[in-house]
PDB file of N, CA and C in Angstrom:
ATOM      1  N   UNK A   1     -73.857  -3.493  13.822  1.00  0.00           N
ATOM      2  CA  UNK A   1     -73.060  -3.871  14.973  1.00  0.00           C
ATOM      3  C   UNK A   1     -72.316  -2.626  15.468  1.00  0.00           C
ATOM      4  N   UNK A   2     -72.300  -2.446  16.759  1.00  0.00           N
ATOM      5  CA  UNK A   2     -71.638  -1.275  17.336  1.00  0.00           C
ATOM      6  C   UNK A   2     -70.131  -1.489  17.422  1.00  0.00           C
ATOM      7  N   UNK A   3     -69.415  -0.376  17.573  1.00  0.00           N
ATOM      8  CA  UNK A   3     -67.960  -0.474  17.744  1.00  0.00           C
ATOM      9  C   UNK A   3     -67.619  -1.248  19.009  1.00  0.00           C
ATOM     10  N   UNK A   4     -68.418  -1.072  20.057  1.00  0.00           N
ATOM     11  CA  UNK A   4     -68.198  -1.794  21.310  1.00  0.00           C
ATOM     12  C   UNK A   4     -68.229  -3.302  21.049  1.00  0.00           C
ATOM     13  N   UNK A   5     -69.230  -3.757  20.293  1.00  0.00           N
ATOM     14  CA  UNK A   5     -69.358  -5.183  19.998  1.00  0.00           C
ATOM     15  C   UNK A   5     -68.184  -5.677  19.149  1.00  0.00           C
ATOM     16  N   UNK A   6     -67.785  -4.875  18.167  1.00  0.00           N
ATOM     17  CA  UNK A   6     -66.659  -5.255  17.314  1.00  0.00           C
ATOM     18  C   UNK A   6     -65.377  -5.408  18.131  1.00  0.00           C
ATOM     19  N   UNK A   7     -65.132  -4.451  19.007  1.00  0.00           N
ATOM     20  CA  UNK A   7     -63.931  -4.485  19.852  1.00  0.00           C
ATOM     21  C   UNK A   7     -63.977  -5.687  20.780  1.00  0.00           C
ATOM     22  N   UNK A   8     -65.140  -5.950  21.353  1.00  0.00           N
ATOM     23  CA  UNK A   8     -65.306  -7.085  22.268  1.00  0.00           C
ATOM     24  C   UNK A   8     -65.039  -8.406  21.550  1.00  0.00           C
ATOM     25  N   UNK A   9     -65.536  -8.532  20.341  1.00  0.00           N
ATOM     26  CA  UNK A   9     -65.329  -9.762  19.573  1.00  0.00           C
ATOM     27  C   UNK A   9     -63.846  -9.970  19.293  1.00  0.00           C
ATOM     28  N   UNK A  10     -63.162  -8.927  18.854  1.00  0.00           N
ATOM     29  CA  UNK A  10     -61.729  -9.041  18.558  1.00  0.00           C
ATOM     30  C   UNK A  10     -60.954  -9.357  19.832  1.00  0.00           C
ATOM     31  N   UNK A  11     -61.309  -8.720  20.938  1.00  0.00           N
ATOM     32  CA  UNK A  11     -60.633  -8.992  22.216  1.00  0.00           C
ATOM     33  C   UNK A  11     -60.821 -10.450  22.619  1.00  0.00           C
ATOM     34  N   UNK A  12     -62.012 -10.975  22.417  1.00  0.00           N
ATOM     35  CA  UNK A  12     -62.264 -12.385  22.736  1.00  0.00           C
ATOM     36  C   UNK A  12     -61.487 -13.316  21.818  1.00  0.00           C
ATOM     37  N   UNK A  13     -61.373 -12.963  20.536  1.00  0.00           N
ATOM     38  CA  UNK A  13     -60.575 -13.772  19.616  1.00  0.00           C
ATOM     39  C   UNK A  13     -59.126 -13.833  20.091  1.00  0.00           C
ATOM     40  N   UNK A  14     -58.593 -12.686  20.451  1.00  0.00           N
ATOM     41  CA  UNK A  14     -57.204 -12.640  20.930  1.00  0.00           C
ATOM     42  C   UNK A  14     -57.035 -13.480  22.198  1.00  0.00           C
ATOM     43  N   UNK A  15     -57.935 -13.306  23.136  1.00  0.00           N
ATOM     44  CA  UNK A  15     -57.850 -14.054  24.393  1.00  0.00           C
ATOM     45  C   UNK A  15     -57.966 -15.554  24.143  1.00  0.00           C
ATOM     46  N   UNK A  16     -58.838 -15.943  23.229  1.00  0.00           N
ATOM     47  CA  UNK A  16     -58.988 -17.363  22.902  1.00  0.00           C
ATOM     48  C   UNK A  16     -57.728 -17.938  22.263  1.00  0.00           C
ATOM     49  N   UNK A  17     -56.932 -17.076  21.648  1.00  0.00           N
ATOM     50  CA  UNK A  17     -55.662 -17.502  21.056  1.00  0.00           C
ATOM     51  C   UNK A  17     -54.493 -17.325  22.020  1.00  0.00           C
ATOM     52  N   UNK A  18     -54.783 -17.063  23.285  1.00  0.00           N
ATOM     53  CA  UNK A  18     -53.746 -16.968  24.304  1.00  0.00           C
ATOM     54  C   UNK A  18     -53.013 -15.641  24.342  1.00  0.00           C
ATOM     55  N   UNK A  19     -53.579 -14.620  23.728  1.00  0.00           N
ATOM     56  CA  UNK A  19     -52.933 -13.303  23.717  1.00  0.00           C
ATOM     57  C   UNK A  19     -53.735 -12.322  24.551  1.00  0.00           C
ATOM     58  N   UNK A  20     -53.019 -11.422  25.207  1.00  0.00           N
ATOM     59  CA  UNK A  20     -53.692 -10.387  25.977  1.00  0.00           C
ATOM     60  C   UNK A  20     -54.135  -9.287  25.011  1.00  0.00           C
ATOM     61  N   UNK A  21     -55.426  -8.957  24.977  1.00  0.00           N
ATOM     62  CA  UNK A  21     -55.900  -7.910  24.077  1.00  0.00           C
ATOM     63  C   UNK A  21     -55.330  -6.543  24.470  1.00  0.00           C
ATOM     64  N   UNK A  22     -54.535  -5.971  23.612  1.00  0.00           N
ATOM     65  CA  UNK A  22     -54.010  -4.626  23.828  1.00  0.00           C
ATOM     66  C   UNK A  22     -54.637  -3.707  22.792  1.00  0.00           C
ATOM     67  N   UNK A  23     -54.508  -2.426  23.025  1.00  0.00           N
ATOM     68  CA  UNK A  23     -55.067  -1.450  22.095  1.00  0.00           C
ATOM     69  C   UNK A  23     -54.484  -1.676  20.701  1.00  0.00           C
ATOM     70  N   UNK A  24     -53.182  -1.865  20.621  1.00  0.00           N
ATOM     71  CA  UNK A  24     -52.520  -2.038  19.331  1.00  0.00           C
ATOM     72  C   UNK A  24     -52.996  -3.313  18.624  1.00  0.00           C
ATOM     73  N   UNK A  25     -53.076  -4.427  19.354  1.00  0.00           N
ATOM     74  CA  UNK A  25     -53.517  -5.675  18.742  1.00  0.00           C
ATOM     75  C   UNK A  25     -54.959  -5.574  18.253  1.00  0.00           C
ATOM     76  N   UNK A  26     -55.814  -5.004  19.089  1.00  0.00           N
ATOM     77  CA  UNK A  26     -57.228  -4.875  18.711  1.00  0.00           C
ATOM     78  C   UNK A  26     -57.362  -3.961  17.498  1.00  0.00           C
ATOM     79  N   UNK A  27     -56.695  -2.821  17.535  1.00  0.00           N
ATOM     80  CA  UNK A  27     -56.776  -1.873  16.416  1.00  0.00           C
ATOM     81  C   UNK A  27     -56.306  -2.530  15.120  1.00  0.00           C
ATOM     82  N   UNK A  28     -55.254  -3.330  15.206  1.00  0.00           N
ATOM     83  CA  UNK A  28     -54.728  -3.999  14.022  1.00  0.00           C
ATOM     84  C   UNK A  28     -55.648  -5.052  13.447  1.00  0.00           C
ATOM     85  N   UNK A  29     -56.537  -5.588  14.245  1.00  0.00           N
ATOM     86  CA  UNK A  29     -57.423  -6.646  13.791  1.00  0.00           C
ATOM     87  C   UNK A  29     -58.791  -6.144  13.343  1.00  0.00           C
ATOM     88  N   UNK A  30     -59.124  -4.919  13.699  1.00  0.00           N
ATOM     89  CA  UNK A  30     -60.417  -4.376  13.292  1.00  0.00           C
ATOM     90  C   UNK A  30     -60.410  -4.068  11.801  1.00  0.00           C
ATOM     91  N   UNK A  31     -61.467  -4.467  11.113  1.00  0.00           N
ATOM     92  CA  UNK A  31     -61.572  -4.220   9.685  1.00  0.00           C
ATOM     93  C   UNK A  31     -61.878  -2.746   9.437  1.00  0.00           C
ATOM     94  N   UNK A  32     -62.798  -2.188  10.198  1.00  0.00           N
ATOM     95  CA  UNK A  32     -63.171  -0.783  10.065  1.00  0.00           C
ATOM     96  C   UNK A  32     -62.432   0.038  11.112  1.00  0.00           C
ATOM     97  N   UNK A  33     -62.055   1.276  10.778  1.00  0.00           N
ATOM     98  CA  UNK A  33     -61.370   2.115  11.763  1.00  0.00           C
ATOM     99  C   UNK A  33     -62.297   2.471  12.936  1.00  0.00           C
ATOM    100  N   UNK A  34     -61.727   2.409  14.124  1.00  0.00           N
ATOM    101  CA  UNK A  34     -62.453   2.764  15.344  1.00  0.00           C
ATOM    102  C   UNK A  34     -61.566   3.733  16.115  1.00  0.00           C
ATOM    103  N   UNK A  35     -62.142   4.815  16.664  1.00  0.00           N
ATOM    104  CA  UNK A  35     -61.326   5.778  17.408  1.00  0.00           C
ATOM    105  C   UNK A  35     -60.612   5.121  18.598  1.00  0.00           C
ATOM    106  N   UNK A  36     -59.345   5.487  18.790  1.00  0.00           N
ATOM    107  CA  UNK A  36     -58.555   4.914  19.889  1.00  0.00           C
ATOM    108  C   UNK A  36     -59.216   5.073  21.247  1.00  0.00           C
ATOM    109  N   UNK A  37     -59.768   6.257  21.586  1.00  0.00           N
ATOM    110  CA  UNK A  37     -60.410   6.382  22.904  1.00  0.00           C
ATOM    111  C   UNK A  37     -61.520   5.358  23.118  1.00  0.00           C
ATOM    112  N   UNK A  38     -62.218   5.008  22.041  1.00  0.00           N
ATOM    113  CA  UNK A  38     -63.290   4.017  22.161  1.00  0.00           C
ATOM    114  C   UNK A  38     -62.713   2.622  22.405  1.00  0.00           C
ATOM    115  N   UNK A  39     -61.603   2.310  21.743  1.00  0.00           N
ATOM    116  CA  UNK A  39     -60.954   1.012  21.970  1.00  0.00           C
ATOM    117  C   UNK A  39     -60.462   0.930  23.408  1.00  0.00           C
ATOM    118  N   UNK A  40     -59.826   1.994  23.874  1.00  0.00           N
ATOM    119  CA  UNK A  40     -59.286   2.026  25.240  1.00  0.00           C
ATOM    120  C   UNK A  40     -60.396   1.851  26.261  1.00  0.00           C
ATOM    121  N   UNK A  41     -61.474   2.612  26.116  1.00  0.00           N
ATOM    122  CA  UNK A  41     -62.555   2.526  27.110  1.00  0.00           C
ATOM    123  C   UNK A  41     -63.242   1.168  27.074  1.00  0.00           C
ATOM    124  N   UNK A  42     -63.376   0.592  25.894  1.00  0.00           N
ATOM    125  CA  UNK A  42     -63.999  -0.727  25.791  1.00  0.00           C
ATOM    126  C   UNK A  42     -63.120  -1.788  26.435  1.00  0.00           C
ATOM    127  N   UNK A  43     -61.807  -1.726  26.184  1.00  0.00           N
ATOM    128  CA  UNK A  43     -60.907  -2.720  26.782  1.00  0.00           C
ATOM    129  C   UNK A  43     -60.849  -2.599  28.300  1.00  0.00           C
ATOM    130  N   UNK A  44     -61.030  -1.390  28.827  1.00  0.00           N
ATOM    131  CA  UNK A  44     -61.036  -1.228  30.290  1.00  0.00           C
ATOM    132  C   UNK A  44     -62.194  -1.975  30.924  1.00  0.00           C
ATOM    133  N   UNK A  45     -63.322  -2.040  30.227  1.00  0.00           N
ATOM    134  CA  UNK A  45     -64.494  -2.709  30.799  1.00  0.00           C
ATOM    135  C   UNK A  45     -64.688  -4.124  30.256  1.00  0.00           C
ATOM    136  N   UNK A  46     -63.834  -4.541  29.338  1.00  0.00           N
ATOM    137  CA  UNK A  46     -63.977  -5.842  28.696  1.00  0.00           C
ATOM    138  C   UNK A  46     -63.742  -6.992  29.656  1.00  0.00           C
ATOM    139  N   UNK A  47     -64.566  -8.023  29.557  1.00  0.00           N
ATOM    140  CA  UNK A  47     -64.411  -9.282  30.295  1.00  0.00           C
ATOM    141  C   UNK A  47     -64.407 -10.401  29.262  1.00  0.00           C
ATOM    142  N   UNK A  48     -63.493 -11.338  29.417  1.00  0.00           N
ATOM    143  CA  UNK A  48     -63.359 -12.419  28.451  1.00  0.00           C
ATOM    144  C   UNK A  48     -64.611 -13.281  28.415  1.00  0.00           C
ATOM    145  N   UNK A  49     -65.168 -13.425  27.219  1.00  0.00           N
ATOM    146  CA  UNK A  49     -66.307 -14.299  26.969  1.00  0.00           C
ATOM    147  C   UNK A  49     -65.924 -15.216  25.812  1.00  0.00           C
ATOM    148  N   UNK A  50     -65.418 -16.408  26.093  1.00  0.00           N
ATOM    149  CA  UNK A  50     -64.903 -17.285  25.042  1.00  0.00           C
ATOM    150  C   UNK A  50     -65.883 -17.561  23.900  1.00  0.00           C
ATOM    151  N   UNK A  51     -67.182 -17.613  24.193  1.00  0.00           N
ATOM    152  CA  UNK A  51     -68.158 -17.921  23.156  1.00  0.00           C
ATOM    153  C   UNK A  51     -68.426 -16.721  22.252  1.00  0.00           C
ATOM    154  N   UNK A  52     -68.176 -15.524  22.736  1.00  0.00           N
ATOM    155  CA  UNK A  52     -68.487 -14.308  21.982  1.00  0.00           C
ATOM    156  C   UNK A  52     -67.266 -13.883  21.173  1.00  0.00           C
ATOM    157  N   UNK A  53     -66.935 -14.665  20.157  1.00  0.00           N
ATOM    158  CA  UNK A  53     -65.720 -14.350  19.407  1.00  0.00           C
ATOM    159  C   UNK A  53     -65.860 -14.552  17.913  1.00  0.00           C
ATOM    160  N   UNK A  54     -67.081 -14.632  17.427  1.00  0.00           N
ATOM    161  CA  UNK A  54     -67.227 -14.809  15.990  1.00  0.00           C
ATOM    162  C   UNK A  54     -68.104 -13.723  15.397  1.00  0.00           C
ATOM    163  N   UNK A  55     -67.627 -13.178  14.326  1.00  0.00           N
ATOM    164  CA  UNK A  55     -68.388 -12.249  13.507  1.00  0.00           C
ATOM    165  C   UNK A  55     -67.759 -12.299  12.138  1.00  0.00           C
ATOM    166  N   UNK A  56     -68.529 -12.492  11.093  1.00  0.00           N
ATOM    167  CA  UNK A  56     -67.968 -12.786   9.790  1.00  0.00           C
ATOM    168  C   UNK A  56     -67.043 -11.743   9.178  1.00  0.00           C
ATOM    169  N   UNK A  57     -67.116 -10.488   9.570  1.00  0.00           N
ATOM    170  CA  UNK A  57     -66.278  -9.502   8.896  1.00  0.00           C
ATOM    171  C   UNK A  57     -64.947  -9.269   9.590  1.00  0.00           C
ATOM    172  N   UNK A  58     -64.629 -10.052  10.601  1.00  0.00           N
ATOM    173  CA  UNK A  58     -63.362  -9.875  11.300  1.00  0.00           C
ATOM    174  C   UNK A  58     -62.405 -10.982  10.958  1.00  0.00           C
ATOM    175  N   UNK A  59     -61.136 -10.661  10.974  1.00  0.00           N
ATOM    176  CA  UNK A  59     -60.139 -11.610  10.539  1.00  0.00           C
ATOM    177  C   UNK A  59     -59.191 -11.966  11.672  1.00  0.00           C
ATOM    178  N   UNK A  60     -58.568 -13.100  11.528  1.00  0.00           N
ATOM    179  CA  UNK A  60     -57.478 -13.482  12.411  1.00  0.00           C
ATOM    180  C   UNK A  60     -56.227 -13.260  11.585  1.00  0.00           C
ATOM    181  N   UNK A  61     -55.316 -12.461  12.075  1.00  0.00           N
ATOM    182  CA  UNK A  61     -54.160 -12.058  11.281  1.00  0.00           C
ATOM    183  C   UNK A  61     -53.160 -13.188  11.113  1.00  0.00           C
ATOM    184  N   UNK A  62     -52.104 -12.909  10.341  1.00  0.00           N
ATOM    185  CA  UNK A  62     -51.064 -13.901  10.101  1.00  0.00           C
ATOM    186  C   UNK A  62     -50.414 -14.364  11.398  1.00  0.00           C
ATOM    187  N   UNK A  63     -50.427 -13.521  12.443  1.00  0.00           N
ATOM    188  CA  UNK A  63     -49.839 -13.908  13.730  1.00  0.00           C
ATOM    189  C   UNK A  63     -50.591 -15.066  14.349  1.00  0.00           C
ATOM    190  N   UNK A  64     -51.848 -15.234  13.999  1.00  0.00           N
ATOM    191  CA  UNK A  64     -52.683 -16.273  14.576  1.00  0.00           C
ATOM    192  C   UNK A  64     -52.809 -17.427  13.595  1.00  0.00           C
ATOM    193  N   UNK A  65     -51.918 -18.368  13.684  1.00  0.00           N
ATOM    194  CA  UNK A  65     -51.911 -19.579  12.863  1.00  0.00           C
ATOM    195  C   UNK A  65     -51.696 -19.289  11.385  1.00  0.00           C
ATOM    196  N   UNK A  66     -51.205 -18.103  11.052  1.00  0.00           N
ATOM    197  CA  UNK A  66     -50.878 -17.738   9.679  1.00  0.00           C
ATOM    198  C   UNK A  66     -52.062 -17.928   8.736  1.00  0.00           C
ATOM    199  N   UNK A  67     -53.281 -17.711   9.241  1.00  0.00           N
ATOM    200  CA  UNK A  67     -54.474 -17.822   8.407  1.00  0.00           C
ATOM    201  C   UNK A  67     -55.332 -16.598   8.635  1.00  0.00           C
ATOM    202  N   UNK A  68     -56.245 -16.387   7.739  1.00  0.00           N
ATOM    203  CA  UNK A  68     -57.174 -15.278   7.890  1.00  0.00           C
ATOM    204  C   UNK A  68     -58.588 -15.821   7.745  1.00  0.00           C
ATOM    205  N   UNK A  69     -59.516 -15.232   8.469  1.00  0.00           N
ATOM    206  CA  UNK A  69     -60.915 -15.589   8.334  1.00  0.00           C
ATOM    207  C   UNK A  69     -61.630 -14.323   7.895  1.00  0.00           C
ATOM    208  N   UNK A  70     -62.164 -14.347   6.703  1.00  0.00           N
ATOM    209  CA  UNK A  70     -62.857 -13.191   6.172  1.00  0.00           C
ATOM    210  C   UNK A  70     -64.234 -13.641   5.732  1.00  0.00           C
ATOM    211  N   UNK A  71     -65.244 -12.959   6.218  1.00  0.00           N
ATOM    212  CA  UNK A  71     -66.624 -13.290   5.912  1.00  0.00           C
ATOM    213  C   UNK A  71     -66.903 -14.762   6.171  1.00  0.00           C
ATOM    214  N   UNK A  72     -66.361 -15.273   7.267  1.00  0.00           N
ATOM    215  CA  UNK A  72     -66.645 -16.631   7.698  1.00  0.00           C
ATOM    216  C   UNK A  72     -65.925 -17.722   6.929  1.00  0.00           C
ATOM    217  N   UNK A  73     -65.030 -17.364   6.008  1.00  0.00           N
ATOM    218  CA  UNK A  73     -64.333 -18.374   5.221  1.00  0.00           C
ATOM    219  C   UNK A  73     -62.844 -18.323   5.519  1.00  0.00           C
ATOM    220  N   UNK A  74     -62.214 -19.494   5.573  1.00  0.00           N
ATOM    221  CA  UNK A  74     -60.770 -19.538   5.762  1.00  0.00           C
ATOM    222  C   UNK A  74     -60.114 -19.232   4.432  1.00  0.00           C
ATOM    223  N   UNK A  75     -59.158 -18.344   4.471  1.00  0.00           N
ATOM    224  CA  UNK A  75     -58.448 -17.922   3.271  1.00  0.00           C
ATOM    225  C   UNK A  75     -57.066 -18.563   3.283  1.00  0.00           C
ATOM    226  N   UNK A  76     -56.445 -18.652   2.127  1.00  0.00           N
ATOM    227  CA  UNK A  76     -55.131 -19.272   2.018  1.00  0.00           C
ATOM    228  C   UNK A  76     -54.079 -18.524   2.835  1.00  0.00           C
ATOM    229  N   UNK A  77     -53.094 -19.264   3.322  1.00  0.00           N
ATOM    230  CA  UNK A  77     -51.941 -18.629   3.957  1.00  0.00           C
ATOM    231  C   UNK A  77     -51.127 -17.958   2.859  1.00  0.00           C
ATOM    232  N   UNK A  78     -50.203 -17.118   3.244  1.00  0.00           N
ATOM    233  CA  UNK A  78     -49.362 -16.425   2.265  1.00  0.00           C
ATOM    234  C   UNK A  78     -48.628 -17.435   1.384  1.00  0.00           C
ATOM    235  N   UNK A  79     -48.084 -18.473   1.990  1.00  0.00           N
ATOM    236  CA  UNK A  79     -47.347 -19.495   1.239  1.00  0.00           C
ATOM    237  C   UNK A  79     -48.268 -20.232   0.263  1.00  0.00           C
ATOM    238  N   UNK A  80     -49.464 -20.578   0.716  1.00  0.00           N
ATOM    239  CA  UNK A  80     -50.411 -21.265  -0.157  1.00  0.00           C
ATOM    240  C   UNK A  80     -50.846 -20.355  -1.307  1.00  0.00           C
ATOM    241  N   UNK A  81     -51.044 -19.086  -1.000  1.00  0.00           N
ATOM    242  CA  UNK A  81     -51.433 -18.121  -2.025  1.00  0.00           C
ATOM    243  C   UNK A  81     -50.341 -17.984  -3.079  1.00  0.00           C
ATOM    244  N   UNK A  82     -49.086 -17.856  -2.629  1.00  0.00           N
ATOM    245  CA  UNK A  82     -47.966 -17.748  -3.565  1.00  0.00           C
ATOM    246  C   UNK A  82     -47.860 -18.998  -4.432  1.00  0.00           C
ATOM    247  N   UNK A  83     -48.039 -20.169  -3.837  1.00  0.00           N
ATOM    248  CA  UNK A  83     -47.971 -21.424  -4.579  1.00  0.00           C
ATOM    249  C   UNK A  83     -49.094 -21.492  -5.610  1.00  0.00           C
ATOM    250  N   UNK A  84     -50.276 -21.081  -5.215  1.00  0.00           N
ATOM    251  CA  UNK A  84     -51.427 -21.090  -6.119  1.00  0.00           C
ATOM    252  C   UNK A  84     -51.203 -20.148  -7.298  1.00  0.00           C
ATOM    253  N   UNK A  85     -50.655 -18.967  -7.025  1.00  0.00           N
ATOM    254  CA  UNK A  85     -50.363 -18.007  -8.090  1.00  0.00           C
ATOM    255  C   UNK A  85     -49.304 -18.572  -9.030  1.00  0.00           C
ATOM    256  N   UNK A  86     -48.256 -19.181  -8.461  1.00  0.00           N
ATOM    257  CA  UNK A  86     -47.183 -19.767  -9.278  1.00  0.00           C
ATOM    258  C   UNK A  86     -47.743 -20.842 -10.204  1.00  0.00           C
ATOM    259  N   UNK A  87     -48.607 -21.704  -9.677  1.00  0.00           N
ATOM    260  CA  UNK A  87     -49.199 -22.760 -10.499  1.00  0.00           C
ATOM    261  C   UNK A  87     -50.047 -22.171 -11.623  1.00  0.00           C
ATOM    262  N   UNK A  88     -50.812 -21.125 -11.321  1.00  0.00           N
ATOM    263  CA  UNK A  88     -51.655 -20.499 -12.339  1.00  0.00           C
ATOM    264  C   UNK A  88     -50.805 -19.848 -13.429  1.00  0.00           C
ATOM    265  N   UNK A  89     -49.732 -19.181 -13.022  1.00  0.00           N
ATOM    266  CA  UNK A  89     -48.842 -18.542 -14.000  1.00  0.00           C
ATOM    267  C   UNK A  89     -48.164 -19.610 -14.854  1.00  0.00           C
ATOM    268  N   UNK A  90     -47.639 -20.668 -14.221  1.00  0.00           N
ATOM    269  CA  UNK A  90     -46.993 -21.747 -14.968  1.00  0.00           C
ATOM    270  C   UNK A  90     -47.949 -22.360 -15.994  1.00  0.00           C
ATOM    271  N   UNK A  91     -49.198 -22.565 -15.590  1.00  0.00           N
ATOM    272  CA  UNK A  91     -50.190 -23.145 -16.488  1.00  0.00           C
ATOM    273  C   UNK A  91     -50.483 -22.183 -17.651  1.00  0.00           C
ATOM    274  N   UNK A  92     -50.539 -20.888 -17.354  1.00  0.00           N
ATOM    275  CA  UNK A  92     -50.854 -19.897 -18.382  1.00  0.00           C
ATOM    276  C   UNK A  92     -49.725 -19.747 -19.400  1.00  0.00           C
ATOM    277  N   UNK A  93     -48.478 -19.859 -18.952  1.00  0.00           N
ATOM    278  CA  UNK A  93     -47.361 -19.633 -19.887  1.00  0.00           C
ATOM    279  C   UNK A  93     -46.844 -20.918 -20.533  1.00  0.00           C
ATOM    280  N   UNK A  94     -47.344 -22.058 -20.125  1.00  0.00           N
ATOM    281  CA  UNK A  94     -46.898 -23.330 -20.707  1.00  0.00           C
ATOM    282  C   UNK A  94     -47.065 -23.353 -22.227  1.00  0.00           C
ATOM    283  N   UNK A  95     -48.218 -22.934 -22.780  1.00  0.00           N
ATOM    284  CA  UNK A  95     -48.345 -22.936 -24.241  1.00  0.00           C
ATOM    285  C   UNK A  95     -47.348 -21.981 -24.911  1.00  0.00           C
ATOM    286  N   UNK A  96     -47.065 -20.862 -24.262  1.00  0.00           N
ATOM    287  CA  UNK A  96     -46.095 -19.911 -24.812  1.00  0.00           C
ATOM    288  C   UNK A  96     -44.696 -20.515 -24.832  1.00  0.00           C
ATOM    289  N   UNK A  97     -44.340 -21.234 -23.773  1.00  0.00           N
ATOM    290  CA  UNK A  97     -43.032 -21.898 -23.723  1.00  0.00           C
ATOM    291  C   UNK A  97     -42.918 -22.937 -24.837  1.00  0.00           C
ATOM    292  N   UNK A  98     -43.996 -23.688 -25.045  1.00  0.00           N
ATOM    293  CA  UNK A  98     -43.984 -24.714 -26.094  1.00  0.00           C
ATOM    294  C   UNK A  98     -43.830 -24.066 -27.468  1.00  0.00           C
ATOM    295  N   UNK A  99     -44.553 -22.968 -27.685  1.00  0.00           N
ATOM    296  CA  UNK A  99     -44.460 -22.269 -28.968  1.00  0.00           C
ATOM    297  C   UNK A  99     -43.063 -21.692 -29.172  1.00  0.00           C
ATOM    298  N   UNK A 100     -42.480 -21.136 -28.119  1.00  0.00           N
ATOM    299  CA  UNK A 100     -41.128 -20.590 -28.205  1.00  0.00           C
ATOM    300  C   UNK A 100     -40.115 -21.695 -28.526  1.00  0.00           C
ATOM    301  N   UNK A 101     -40.277 -22.850 -27.907  1.00  0.00           N
ATOM    302  CA  UNK A 101     -39.380 -23.974 -28.182  1.00  0.00           C
ATOM    303  C   UNK A 101     -39.509 -24.402 -29.643  1.00  0.00           C
ATOM    304  N   UNK A 102     -40.726 -24.403 -30.170  1.00  0.00           N
ATOM    305  CA  UNK A 102     -40.945 -24.761 -31.566  1.00  0.00           C
ATOM    306  C   UNK A 102     -40.298 -23.738 -32.500  1.00  0.00           C
ATOM    307  N   UNK A 103     -40.430 -22.465 -32.188  1.00  0.00           N
ATOM    308  CA  UNK A 103     -39.812 -21.403 -32.985  1.00  0.00           C
ATOM    309  C   UNK A 103     -38.295 -21.539 -32.968  1.00  0.00           C
ATOM    310  N   UNK A 104     -37.731 -21.800 -31.796  1.00  0.00           N
ATOM    311  CA  UNK A 104     -36.276 -21.984 -31.681  1.00  0.00           C
ATOM    312  C   UNK A 104     -35.812 -23.177 -32.508  1.00  0.00           C
ATOM    313  N   UNK A 105     -36.578 -24.250 -32.483  1.00  0.00           N
ATOM    314  CA  UNK A 105     -36.221 -25.428 -33.275  1.00  0.00           C
ATOM    315  C   UNK A 105     -36.265 -25.096 -34.767  1.00  0.00           C
ATOM    316  N   UNK A 106     -37.274 -24.357 -35.184  1.00  0.00           N
ATOM    317  CA  UNK A 106     -37.365 -23.954 -36.596  1.00  0.00           C
ATOM    318  C   UNK A 106     -36.191 -23.063 -36.986  1.00  0.00           C
ATOM    319  N   UNK A 107     -35.829 -22.128 -36.122  1.00  0.00           N
ATOM    320  CA  UNK A 107     -34.686 -21.248 -36.395  1.00  0.00           C
ATOM    321  C   UNK A 107     -33.399 -22.054 -36.525  1.00  0.00           C
ATOM    322  N   UNK A 108     -33.205 -23.024 -35.629  1.00  0.00           N
ATOM    323  CA  UNK A 108     -32.017 -23.870 -35.715  1.00  0.00           C
ATOM    324  C   UNK A 108     -31.985 -24.649 -37.034  1.00  0.00           C
ATOM    325  N   UNK A 109     -33.164 -25.155 -37.419  1.00  0.00           N
ATOM    326  CA  UNK A 109     -33.209 -25.930 -38.670  1.00  0.00           C
ATOM    327  C   UNK A 109     -32.948 -25.016 -39.886  1.00  0.00           C
ATOM    328  N   UNK A 110     -33.413 -23.774 -39.824  1.00  0.00           N
ATOM    329  CA  UNK A 110     -33.158 -22.813 -40.910  1.00  0.00           C
ATOM    330  C   UNK A 110     -31.675 -22.489 -40.956  1.00  0.00           C
ATOM    331  N   UNK A 111     -31.052 -22.271 -39.808  1.00  0.00           N
ATOM    332  CA  UNK A 111     -29.612 -21.987 -39.757  1.00  0.00           C
ATOM    333  C   UNK A 111     -28.823 -23.154 -40.319  1.00  0.00           C
ATOM    334  N   UNK A 112     -29.201 -24.369 -39.963  1.00  0.00           N
ATOM    335  CA  UNK A 112     -28.505 -25.567 -40.419  1.00  0.00           C
ATOM    336  C   UNK A 112     -28.661 -25.720 -41.940  1.00  0.00           C
ATOM    337  N   UNK A 113     -29.853 -25.468 -42.430  1.00  0.00           N
ATOM    338  CA  UNK A 113     -30.141 -25.609 -43.876  1.00  0.00           C
ATOM    339  C   UNK A 113     -29.415 -24.537 -44.695  1.00  0.00           C
ATOM    340  N   UNK A 114     -29.209 -23.352 -44.115  1.00  0.00           N
ATOM    341  CA  UNK A 114     -28.584 -22.261 -44.878  1.00  0.00           C
ATOM    342  C   UNK A 114     -27.057 -22.386 -44.901  1.00  0.00           C
ATOM    343  N   UNK A 115     -26.466 -23.279 -44.162  1.00  0.00           N
ATOM    344  CA  UNK A 115     -24.999 -23.437 -44.144  1.00  0.00           C
ATOM    345  C   UNK A 115     -24.507 -24.237 -45.271  1.00  0.00           C
TER     346      UNK A 115
END
């Protein structure tokens, strides 16, 4: 895929989301670096084509519905990702917490018995 096509797709995504495609917005959404002069010249000749807005390697940033699309799949929002990580960590440390509670109980019983 050419840089022209990549820029056009991102510009169409922005326009479909009600935003005016600017050099800064387009540059921020491109996965691969593209020279600024190429972005500028492409945007000068760009015409909105609502149907021409999908390509699997481009993402919709957090500004656009707080979701990302990478390789054609919807990825978790930041909040969902944080929640998922928290749940995984809680699940991983639950056995350690239980073991620590058991150790503390044993220590208390040893202290009580030694008095």
